[in-house]
Amino acid sequence: MAPATERRGYSYCSLRLDRVLWRGRGAILLSYRPQTCVLPEFEPTQFAMFWVPGAEAIPLAPIYSSKDRIDFLVRLRGSTTRMIVEQPPARAGIIGPMGRGFKPKAGAVLLVGGGTGIASLVPLAGWASRSGARVTLVYGARTVSELAPIEMYLDGLEGVKLVVATDDGSRGVKGTVVDALSTIDLTGFDAIVAAGPPAMLCTLYKLAGDQGLLDRFYASLETLVRCGMGFCGSCMLPCTSSLLCREGPVFPGSMLGCWVEAECGQRP
């Protein structure tokens, strides 16, 4: 299974806010249009450094992108994301695409997303569907007000099954995405891809390991990204020479042992 496609050639593109697609509790879905440029092509799971004038640039994976439109799902985490969520910038800029695209050669794909991790999995679901794969997309949040309306991006895709979970049971399965997986036979999938908070990835890593499926497990990691181009080394995967901004953000389970030990407080 070849998880990555090599792509380089960063470009800057200035953006103007087109509309706010959705507001949730501590989150927002924004649609931007390019001003004087053509948006670069993003492969599934690639991301951009999103620059807010007067603030820093932060890594964001587009939940949708085309030549004339790009959408971002942003959740409040720090000062910059607070600025974006509370007062979406009318002007912004992106540098990208960063990282490698992830395209598993699989007939059946299980995608598990929590929080803004779902942003990188929606394009992957679209690509897999158009490639003829059977896709199950599990999306979880604490409550219904935190669930972004991702159905708008899945409409018309064949072979995609959406399973929703909320901690409080306000929509879909009551519980976490792991609870939602309890009724799904993981052995029926050729690839299992997860994106979300570290605690969620830790639990799914252990679940895949307990079932002998680490060779099918992939995780889209979130970590500190400063330059986004591989110069600073701040996003290096523990115990490897691999940089999230170049070789990632998706890594196979076989490379995650030291990351699991550092993030999960447990030995793989």
C-alpha atoms as a PDB file:
ATOM      1  CA  MET A   1       0.000   0.000   0.000  1.00  0.00           C
ATOM      2  CA  ALA A   2       1.559   3.291  -1.067  1.00  0.00           C
ATOM      3  CA  PRO A   3       0.363   6.007   1.310  1.00  0.00           C
ATOM      4  CA  ALA A   4       2.050   9.028  -0.193  1.00  0.00           C
ATOM      5  CA  THR A   5       2.571  11.008  -3.339  1.00  0.00           C
ATOM      6  CA  GLU A   6       5.584  13.305  -3.539  1.00  0.00           C
ATOM      7  CA  ARG A   7       4.604  16.894  -4.218  1.00  0.00           C
ATOM      8  CA  ARG A   8       6.637  20.069  -3.856  1.00  0.00           C
ATOM      9  CA  GLY A   9       6.333  23.592  -5.173  1.00  0.00           C
ATOM     10  CA  TYR A  10       4.823  25.882  -2.593  1.00  0.00           C
ATOM     11  CA  SER A  11       2.866  28.945  -3.675  1.00  0.00           C
ATOM     12  CA  TYR A  12       1.305  31.889  -1.895  1.00  0.00           C
ATOM     13  CA  CYS A  13      -2.270  32.848  -2.577  1.00  0.00           C
ATOM     14  CA  SER A  14      -4.170  35.798  -1.100  1.00  0.00           C
ATOM     15  CA  LEU A  15      -7.794  35.120  -0.156  1.00  0.00           C
ATOM     16  CA  ARG A  16     -10.982  37.045   0.502  1.00  0.00           C
ATOM     17  CA  LEU A  17     -13.757  35.759   2.678  1.00  0.00           C
ATOM     18  CA  ASP A  18     -16.731  34.687   0.586  1.00  0.00           C
ATOM     19  CA  ARG A  19     -19.109  33.483   3.294  1.00  0.00           C
ATOM     20  CA  VAL A  20     -19.489  31.800   6.632  1.00  0.00           C
ATOM     21  CA  LEU A  21     -20.953  28.361   5.924  1.00  0.00           C
ATOM     22  CA  TRP A  22     -21.593  27.333   9.519  1.00  0.00           C
ATOM     23  CA  ARG A  23     -21.056  28.411  13.098  1.00  0.00           C
ATOM     24  CA  GLY A  24     -20.943  25.894  15.913  1.00  0.00           C
ATOM     25  CA  ARG A  25     -19.893  25.859  19.513  1.00  0.00           C
ATOM     26  CA  GLY A  26     -16.287  26.994  19.428  1.00  0.00           C
ATOM     27  CA  ALA A  27     -15.941  26.269  15.712  1.00  0.00           C
ATOM     28  CA  ILE A  28     -16.602  27.832  12.321  1.00  0.00           C
ATOM     29  CA  LEU A  29     -16.641  26.736   8.671  1.00  0.00           C
ATOM     30  CA  LEU A  30     -15.355  29.401   6.279  1.00  0.00           C
ATOM     31  CA  SER A  31     -15.306  29.635   2.500  1.00  0.00           C
ATOM     32  CA  TYR A  32     -12.660  31.775   0.773  1.00  0.00           C
ATOM     33  CA  ARG A  33     -12.056  32.857  -2.810  1.00  0.00           C
ATOM     34  CA  PRO A  34      -8.664  33.685  -4.326  1.00  0.00           C
ATOM     35  CA  GLN A  35      -7.998  37.352  -5.081  1.00  0.00           C
ATOM     36  CA  THR A  36      -5.281  37.479  -7.749  1.00  0.00           C
ATOM     37  CA  CYS A  37      -4.173  33.868  -7.989  1.00  0.00           C
ATOM     38  CA  VAL A  38      -5.294  30.379  -8.897  1.00  0.00           C
ATOM     39  CA  LEU A  39      -5.543  28.141  -5.877  1.00  0.00           C
ATOM     40  CA  PRO A  40      -3.035  25.269  -5.887  1.00  0.00           C
ATOM     41  CA  GLU A  41      -4.281  21.708  -6.136  1.00  0.00           C
ATOM     42  CA  PHE A  42      -4.479  19.951  -2.767  1.00  0.00           C
ATOM     43  CA  GLU A  43      -4.331  16.196  -2.532  1.00  0.00           C
ATOM     44  CA  PRO A  44      -6.183  14.412   0.300  1.00  0.00           C
ATOM     45  CA  THR A  45      -4.711  15.154   3.782  1.00  0.00           C
ATOM     46  CA  GLN A  46      -2.375  17.908   2.551  1.00  0.00           C
ATOM     47  CA  PHE A  47      -2.587  21.203   4.405  1.00  0.00           C
ATOM     48  CA  ALA A  48      -1.764  24.884   4.076  1.00  0.00           C
ATOM     49  CA  MET A  49      -0.215  27.483   6.329  1.00  0.00           C
ATOM     50  CA  PHE A  50      -3.138  29.855   6.804  1.00  0.00           C
ATOM     51  CA  TRP A  51      -1.974  33.416   7.501  1.00  0.00           C
ATOM     52  CA  VAL A  52      -4.138  35.958   9.293  1.00  0.00           C
ATOM     53  CA  PRO A  53      -2.912  39.574   8.880  1.00  0.00           C
ATOM     54  CA  GLY A  54      -1.632  40.827  12.198  1.00  0.00           C
ATOM     55  CA  ALA A  55      -1.316  37.319  13.603  1.00  0.00           C
ATOM     56  CA  GLU A  56       0.602  34.124  12.950  1.00  0.00           C
ATOM     57  CA  ALA A  57       0.245  31.466  10.278  1.00  0.00           C
ATOM     58  CA  ILE A  58      -1.319  28.205  11.424  1.00  0.00           C
ATOM     59  CA  PRO A  59      -1.600  24.806   9.688  1.00  0.00           C
ATOM     60  CA  LEU A  60      -5.086  24.043   8.359  1.00  0.00           C
ATOM     61  CA  ALA A  61      -6.246  21.218   6.111  1.00  0.00           C
ATOM     62  CA  PRO A  62      -8.864  22.361   3.606  1.00  0.00           C
ATOM     63  CA  ILE A  63     -12.090  20.429   3.919  1.00  0.00           C
ATOM     64  CA  TYR A  64     -12.798  21.415   0.307  1.00  0.00           C
ATOM     65  CA  SER A  65     -10.688  23.009  -2.414  1.00  0.00           C
ATOM     66  CA  SER A  66     -10.942  23.809  -6.096  1.00  0.00           C
ATOM     67  CA  LYS A  67      -9.304  26.337  -8.422  1.00  0.00           C
ATOM     68  CA  ASP A  68     -11.600  29.127  -7.275  1.00  0.00           C
ATOM     69  CA  ARG A  69     -12.720  28.182  -3.752  1.00  0.00           C
ATOM     70  CA  ILE A  70     -11.259  26.783  -0.547  1.00  0.00           C
ATOM     71  CA  ASP A  71     -13.078  25.954   2.708  1.00  0.00           C
ATOM     72  CA  PHE A  72     -11.583  25.630   6.178  1.00  0.00           C
ATOM     73  CA  LEU A  73     -12.990  24.195   9.389  1.00  0.00           C
ATOM     74  CA  VAL A  74     -11.486  26.043  12.353  1.00  0.00           C
ATOM     75  CA  ARG A  75     -11.881  25.182  16.030  1.00  0.00           C
ATOM     76  CA  LEU A  76     -10.974  27.491  18.903  1.00  0.00           C
ATOM     77  CA  ARG A  77      -7.665  26.412  20.403  1.00  0.00           C
ATOM     78  CA  GLY A  78      -5.476  29.473  20.911  1.00  0.00           C
ATOM     79  CA  SER A  79      -5.301  33.199  20.294  1.00  0.00           C
ATOM     80  CA  THR A  80      -5.171  32.969  16.489  1.00  0.00           C
ATOM     81  CA  THR A  81      -7.981  30.453  16.155  1.00  0.00           C
ATOM     82  CA  ARG A  82     -10.026  32.511  18.618  1.00  0.00           C
ATOM     83  CA  MET A  83      -9.589  35.503  16.319  1.00  0.00           C
ATOM     84  CA  ILE A  84     -10.694  33.450  13.314  1.00  0.00           C
ATOM     85  CA  VAL A  85     -13.716  31.901  15.048  1.00  0.00           C
ATOM     86  CA  GLU A  86     -14.955  35.088  16.686  1.00  0.00           C
ATOM     87  CA  GLN A  87     -14.211  37.509  13.842  1.00  0.00           C
ATOM     88  CA  PRO A  88     -13.388  35.712  10.583  1.00  0.00           C
ATOM     89  CA  PRO A  89     -10.730  37.672   8.669  1.00  0.00           C
ATOM     90  CA  ALA A  90     -12.029  39.286   5.485  1.00  0.00           C
ATOM     91  CA  ARG A  91      -8.538  38.891   4.007  1.00  0.00           C
ATOM     92  CA  ALA A  92      -6.102  36.043   4.557  1.00  0.00           C
ATOM     93  CA  GLY A  93      -3.385  34.143   2.753  1.00  0.00           C
ATOM     94  CA  ILE A  94      -2.186  30.589   2.354  1.00  0.00           C
ATOM     95  CA  ILE A  95       1.106  28.925   1.499  1.00  0.00           C
ATOM     96  CA  GLY A  96       0.884  25.374   0.271  1.00  0.00           C
ATOM     97  CA  PRO A  97       0.282  22.650  -0.319  1.00  0.00           C
ATOM     98  CA  MET A  98       2.249  21.209   2.584  1.00  0.00           C
ATOM     99  CA  GLY A  99       2.915  17.564   3.328  1.00  0.00           C
ATOM    100  CA  ARG A 100       2.199  14.573   1.141  1.00  0.00           C
ATOM    101  CA  GLY A 101      -1.104  13.475  -0.243  1.00  0.00           C
ATOM    102  CA  PHE A 102      -2.392  10.179   1.110  1.00  0.00           C
ATOM    103  CA  LYS A 103      -4.127   7.780  -1.271  1.00  0.00           C
ATOM    104  CA  PRO A 104      -4.383   4.209   0.002  1.00  0.00           C
ATOM    105  CA  LYS A 105      -4.822   1.461  -2.563  1.00  0.00           C
ATOM    106  CA  ALA A 106      -7.782  -0.193  -0.931  1.00  0.00           C
ATOM    107  CA  GLY A 107     -11.158  -1.634  -1.773  1.00  0.00           C
ATOM    108  CA  ALA A 108     -12.570  -0.779   1.636  1.00  0.00           C
ATOM    109  CA  VAL A 109     -11.496   2.209   3.718  1.00  0.00           C
ATOM    110  CA  LEU A 110     -12.460   3.150   7.277  1.00  0.00           C
ATOM    111  CA  LEU A 111     -11.986   6.826   8.129  1.00  0.00           C
ATOM    112  CA  VAL A 112     -12.296   7.964  11.750  1.00  0.00           C
ATOM    113  CA  GLY A 113     -12.373  11.689  12.499  1.00  0.00           C
ATOM    114  CA  GLY A 114     -12.746  13.767  15.619  1.00  0.00           C
ATOM    115  CA  GLY A 115     -12.826  17.552  15.924  1.00  0.00           C
ATOM    116  CA  THR A 116     -11.153  19.376  13.044  1.00  0.00           C
ATOM    117  CA  GLY A 117      -9.446  16.132  12.062  1.00  0.00           C
ATOM    118  CA  ILE A 118     -12.505  15.488   9.934  1.00  0.00           C
ATOM    119  CA  ALA A 119     -11.343  18.259   7.561  1.00  0.00           C
ATOM    120  CA  SER A 120      -8.557  16.108   6.126  1.00  0.00           C
ATOM    121  CA  LEU A 121     -10.716  12.983   5.913  1.00  0.00           C
ATOM    122  CA  VAL A 122     -13.605  14.457   3.902  1.00  0.00           C
ATOM    123  CA  PRO A 123     -11.426  14.996   0.775  1.00  0.00           C
ATOM    124  CA  LEU A 124      -9.981  11.512   1.289  1.00  0.00           C
ATOM    125  CA  ALA A 125     -13.500  10.065   1.399  1.00  0.00           C
ATOM    126  CA  GLY A 126     -14.278  11.843  -1.862  1.00  0.00           C
ATOM    127  CA  TRP A 127     -11.151  10.574  -3.576  1.00  0.00           C
ATOM    128  CA  ALA A 128     -11.682   6.998  -2.340  1.00  0.00           C
ATOM    129  CA  SER A 129     -15.314   7.033  -3.467  1.00  0.00           C
ATOM    130  CA  ARG A 130     -14.416   8.265  -6.938  1.00  0.00           C
ATOM    131  CA  SER A 131     -11.756   5.535  -7.095  1.00  0.00           C
ATOM    132  CA  GLY A 132     -14.393   2.877  -6.495  1.00  0.00           C
ATOM    133  CA  ALA A 133     -13.600   2.103  -2.859  1.00  0.00           C
ATOM    134  CA  ARG A 134     -16.196   1.348  -0.206  1.00  0.00           C
ATOM    135  CA  VAL A 135     -15.881   4.035   2.460  1.00  0.00           C
ATOM    136  CA  THR A 136     -17.138   4.209   6.033  1.00  0.00           C
ATOM    137  CA  LEU A 137     -16.614   7.626   7.595  1.00  0.00           C
ATOM    138  CA  VAL A 138     -17.031   7.849  11.378  1.00  0.00           C
ATOM    139  CA  TYR A 139     -17.297  11.407  12.705  1.00  0.00           C
ATOM    140  CA  GLY A 140     -17.494  12.285  16.379  1.00  0.00           C
ATOM    141  CA  ALA A 141     -17.872  15.322  18.620  1.00  0.00           C
ATOM    142  CA  ARG A 142     -18.958  16.088  22.158  1.00  0.00           C
ATOM    143  CA  THR A 143     -22.392  17.382  21.147  1.00  0.00           C
ATOM    144  CA  VAL A 144     -24.455  18.104  18.041  1.00  0.00           C
ATOM    145  CA  SER A 145     -23.592  21.822  18.096  1.00  0.00           C
ATOM    146  CA  GLU A 146     -19.948  20.890  17.447  1.00  0.00           C
ATOM    147  CA  LEU A 147     -20.691  18.722  14.403  1.00  0.00           C
ATOM    148  CA  ALA A 148     -19.876  20.540  11.174  1.00  0.00           C
ATOM    149  CA  PRO A 149     -22.328  19.933   8.300  1.00  0.00           C
ATOM    150  CA  ILE A 150     -19.971  17.690   6.342  1.00  0.00           C
ATOM    151  CA  GLU A 151     -22.887  16.120   4.460  1.00  0.00           C
ATOM    152  CA  MET A 152     -22.698  19.012   1.975  1.00  0.00           C
ATOM    153  CA  TYR A 153     -19.333  17.668   0.825  1.00  0.00           C
ATOM    154  CA  LEU A 154     -20.413  14.026   0.741  1.00  0.00           C
ATOM    155  CA  ASP A 155     -23.607  14.578  -1.243  1.00  0.00           C
ATOM    156  CA  GLY A 156     -23.554  12.606  -4.472  1.00  0.00           C
ATOM    157  CA  LEU A 157     -20.642  10.364  -3.511  1.00  0.00           C
ATOM    158  CA  GLU A 158     -21.290   6.669  -4.045  1.00  0.00           C
ATOM    159  CA  GLY A 159     -20.246   4.040  -1.556  1.00  0.00           C
ATOM    160  CA  VAL A 160     -19.761   6.402   1.397  1.00  0.00           C
ATOM    161  CA  LYS A 161     -21.457   5.511   4.679  1.00  0.00           C
ATOM    162  CA  LEU A 162     -21.465   8.215   7.348  1.00  0.00           C
ATOM    163  CA  VAL A 163     -21.622   7.188  11.012  1.00  0.00           C
ATOM    164  CA  VAL A 164     -21.994  10.010  13.556  1.00  0.00           C
ATOM    165  CA  ALA A 165     -21.274   9.826  17.281  1.00  0.00           C
ATOM    166  CA  THR A 166     -21.755  12.412  20.031  1.00  0.00           C
ATOM    167  CA  ASP A 167     -20.661  12.044  23.624  1.00  0.00           C
ATOM    168  CA  ASP A 168     -24.052  13.209  24.925  1.00  0.00           C
ATOM    169  CA  GLY A 169     -26.144  11.297  22.396  1.00  0.00           C
ATOM    170  CA  SER A 170     -27.619  14.456  20.869  1.00  0.00           C
ATOM    171  CA  ARG A 171     -27.034  12.925  17.421  1.00  0.00           C
ATOM    172  CA  GLY A 172     -26.150   9.462  16.216  1.00  0.00           C
ATOM    173  CA  VAL A 173     -24.421   6.934  18.437  1.00  0.00           C
ATOM    174  CA  LYS A 174     -24.141   7.988  22.076  1.00  0.00           C
ATOM    175  CA  GLY A 175     -20.473   7.939  22.969  1.00  0.00           C
ATOM    176  CA  THR A 176     -17.130   8.446  21.292  1.00  0.00           C
ATOM    177  CA  VAL A 177     -15.994   7.348  17.857  1.00  0.00           C
ATOM    178  CA  VAL A 178     -14.476   4.307  19.568  1.00  0.00           C
ATOM    179  CA  ASP A 179     -17.928   3.411  20.897  1.00  0.00           C
ATOM    180  CA  ALA A 180     -19.285   3.775  17.363  1.00  0.00           C
ATOM    181  CA  LEU A 181     -16.619   1.364  16.106  1.00  0.00           C
ATOM    182  CA  SER A 182     -17.801  -1.347  18.512  1.00  0.00           C
ATOM    183  CA  THR A 183     -20.450  -2.401  15.987  1.00  0.00           C
ATOM    184  CA  ILE A 184     -18.073  -2.310  12.991  1.00  0.00           C
ATOM    185  CA  ASP A 185     -15.874  -5.238  11.954  1.00  0.00           C
ATOM    186  CA  LEU A 186     -12.470  -3.601  11.528  1.00  0.00           C
ATOM    187  CA  THR A 187     -11.048  -6.682   9.820  1.00  0.00           C
ATOM    188  CA  GLY A 188     -13.265  -5.929   6.822  1.00  0.00           C
ATOM    189  CA  PHE A 189     -11.216  -2.868   5.865  1.00  0.00           C
ATOM    190  CA  ASP A 190      -7.990  -2.701   3.896  1.00  0.00           C
ATOM    191  CA  ALA A 191      -7.006   0.658   5.421  1.00  0.00           C
ATOM    192  CA  ILE A 192      -7.988   2.408   8.655  1.00  0.00           C
ATOM    193  CA  VAL A 193      -7.174   6.118   8.739  1.00  0.00           C
ATOM    194  CA  ALA A 194      -7.688   8.289  11.808  1.00  0.00           C
ATOM    195  CA  ALA A 195      -7.425  12.051  12.297  1.00  0.00           C
ATOM    196  CA  GLY A 196      -8.192  13.954  15.465  1.00  0.00           C
ATOM    197  CA  PRO A 197      -6.963  14.748  18.972  1.00  0.00           C
ATOM    198  CA  PRO A 198      -3.958  12.760  20.267  1.00  0.00           C
ATOM    199  CA  ALA A 199      -6.058  11.001  22.930  1.00  0.00           C
ATOM    200  CA  MET A 200      -8.365   9.664  20.222  1.00  0.00           C
ATOM    201  CA  LEU A 201      -5.444   8.507  18.079  1.00  0.00           C
ATOM    202  CA  CYS A 202      -3.869   6.778  21.095  1.00  0.00           C
ATOM    203  CA  THR A 203      -7.053   4.811  21.751  1.00  0.00           C
ATOM    204  CA  LEU A 204      -7.442   3.826  18.101  1.00  0.00           C
ATOM    205  CA  TYR A 205      -3.778   2.805  17.854  1.00  0.00           C
ATOM    206  CA  LYS A 206      -4.258   0.460  20.796  1.00  0.00           C
ATOM    207  CA  LEU A 207      -7.526  -0.855  19.363  1.00  0.00           C
ATOM    208  CA  ALA A 208      -5.854  -1.614  16.032  1.00  0.00           C
ATOM    209  CA  GLY A 209      -2.916  -3.232  17.825  1.00  0.00           C
ATOM    210  CA  ASP A 210      -5.137  -5.416  19.988  1.00  0.00           C
ATOM    211  CA  GLN A 211      -6.857  -6.713  16.851  1.00  0.00           C
ATOM    212  CA  GLY A 212      -3.611  -7.266  14.959  1.00  0.00           C
ATOM    213  CA  LEU A 213      -4.395  -4.518  12.449  1.00  0.00           C
ATOM    214  CA  LEU A 214      -1.502  -2.076  12.898  1.00  0.00           C
ATOM    215  CA  ASP A 215      -0.317  -2.893   9.382  1.00  0.00           C
ATOM    216  CA  ARG A 216      -3.586  -1.350   8.120  1.00  0.00           C
ATOM    217  CA  PHE A 217      -3.642   1.597  10.539  1.00  0.00           C
ATOM    218  CA  TYR A 218      -2.628   5.149   9.613  1.00  0.00           C
ATOM    219  CA  ALA A 219      -2.829   8.325  11.679  1.00  0.00           C
ATOM    220  CA  SER A 220      -2.913  11.935  10.544  1.00  0.00           C
ATOM    221  CA  LEU A 221      -0.916  13.679  13.264  1.00  0.00           C
ATOM    222  CA  GLU A 222      -1.241  17.154  14.679  1.00  0.00           C
ATOM    223  CA  THR A 223       1.861  18.803  16.088  1.00  0.00           C
ATOM    224  CA  LEU A 224       3.652  22.132  16.233  1.00  0.00           C
ATOM    225  CA  VAL A 225       4.337  23.380  12.704  1.00  0.00           C
ATOM    226  CA  ARG A 226       6.410  26.559  12.480  1.00  0.00           C
ATOM    227  CA  CYS A 227       7.777  27.050   8.961  1.00  0.00           C
ATOM    228  CA  GLY A 228       5.832  24.302   7.214  1.00  0.00           C
ATOM    229  CA  MET A 229       8.634  23.742   4.698  1.00  0.00           C
ATOM    230  CA  GLY A 230      10.993  21.432   6.543  1.00  0.00           C
ATOM    231  CA  PHE A 231      13.612  23.996   7.522  1.00  0.00           C
ATOM    232  CA  CYS A 232      13.075  24.341  11.281  1.00  0.00           C
ATOM    233  CA  GLY A 233      12.613  20.683  12.219  1.00  0.00           C
ATOM    234  CA  SER A 234       9.966  21.462  14.839  1.00  0.00           C
ATOM    235  CA  CYS A 235       7.528  18.871  13.499  1.00  0.00           C
ATOM    236  CA  MET A 236       9.837  15.841  13.395  1.00  0.00           C
ATOM    237  CA  LEU A 237       8.222  12.517  14.223  1.00  0.00           C
ATOM    238  CA  PRO A 238       9.906  11.049  17.360  1.00  0.00           C
ATOM    239  CA  CYS A 239      12.634   8.454  16.750  1.00  0.00           C
ATOM    240  CA  THR A 240      12.663   9.168  13.017  1.00  0.00           C
ATOM    241  CA  SER A 241      14.041  11.740  10.604  1.00  0.00           C
ATOM    242  CA  SER A 242      10.575  12.257   9.086  1.00  0.00           C
ATOM    243  CA  LEU A 243       8.979  15.700   9.187  1.00  0.00           C
ATOM    244  CA  LEU A 244       5.223  16.051   9.435  1.00  0.00           C
ATOM    245  CA  CYS A 245       5.250  18.991   7.019  1.00  0.00           C
ATOM    246  CA  ARG A 246       7.066  17.001   4.338  1.00  0.00           C
ATOM    247  CA  GLU A 247       6.590  13.244   4.817  1.00  0.00           C
ATOM    248  CA  GLY A 248       3.348  13.559   6.805  1.00  0.00           C
ATOM    249  CA  PRO A 249       0.915  14.361   8.158  1.00  0.00           C
ATOM    250  CA  VAL A 250      -0.225  10.748   7.681  1.00  0.00           C
ATOM    251  CA  PHE A 251       2.062   8.029   9.023  1.00  0.00           C
ATOM    252  CA  PRO A 252       1.614   4.239   9.173  1.00  0.00           C
ATOM    253  CA  GLY A 253       1.191   2.483  12.497  1.00  0.00           C
ATOM    254  CA  SER A 254       4.646   0.922  12.124  1.00  0.00           C
ATOM    255  CA  MET A 255       6.226   4.384  12.511  1.00  0.00           C
ATOM    256  CA  LEU A 256       4.202   5.532  15.501  1.00  0.00           C
ATOM    257  CA  GLY A 257       5.805   3.592  18.358  1.00  0.00           C
ATOM    258  CA  CYS A 258       7.804   6.492  19.836  1.00  0.00           C
ATOM    259  CA  TRP A 259       4.992   8.951  19.163  1.00  0.00           C
ATOM    260  CA  VAL A 260       2.604   6.701  21.084  1.00  0.00           C
ATOM    261  CA  GLU A 261       5.040   6.411  23.991  1.00  0.00           C
ATOM    262  CA  ALA A 262       5.458  10.199  24.116  1.00  0.00           C
ATOM    263  CA  GLU A 263       1.824  11.234  23.558  1.00  0.00           C
ATOM    264  CA  CYS A 264      -0.074   8.356  25.140  1.00  0.00           C
ATOM    265  CA  GLY A 265       2.134   7.556  28.106  1.00  0.00           C
ATOM    266  CA  GLN A 266       2.285   3.914  27.137  1.00  0.00           C
ATOM    267  CA  ARG A 267       4.627   1.561  25.375  1.00  0.00           C
ATOM    268  CA  PRO A 268       3.317   0.205  22.080  1.00  0.00           C
END
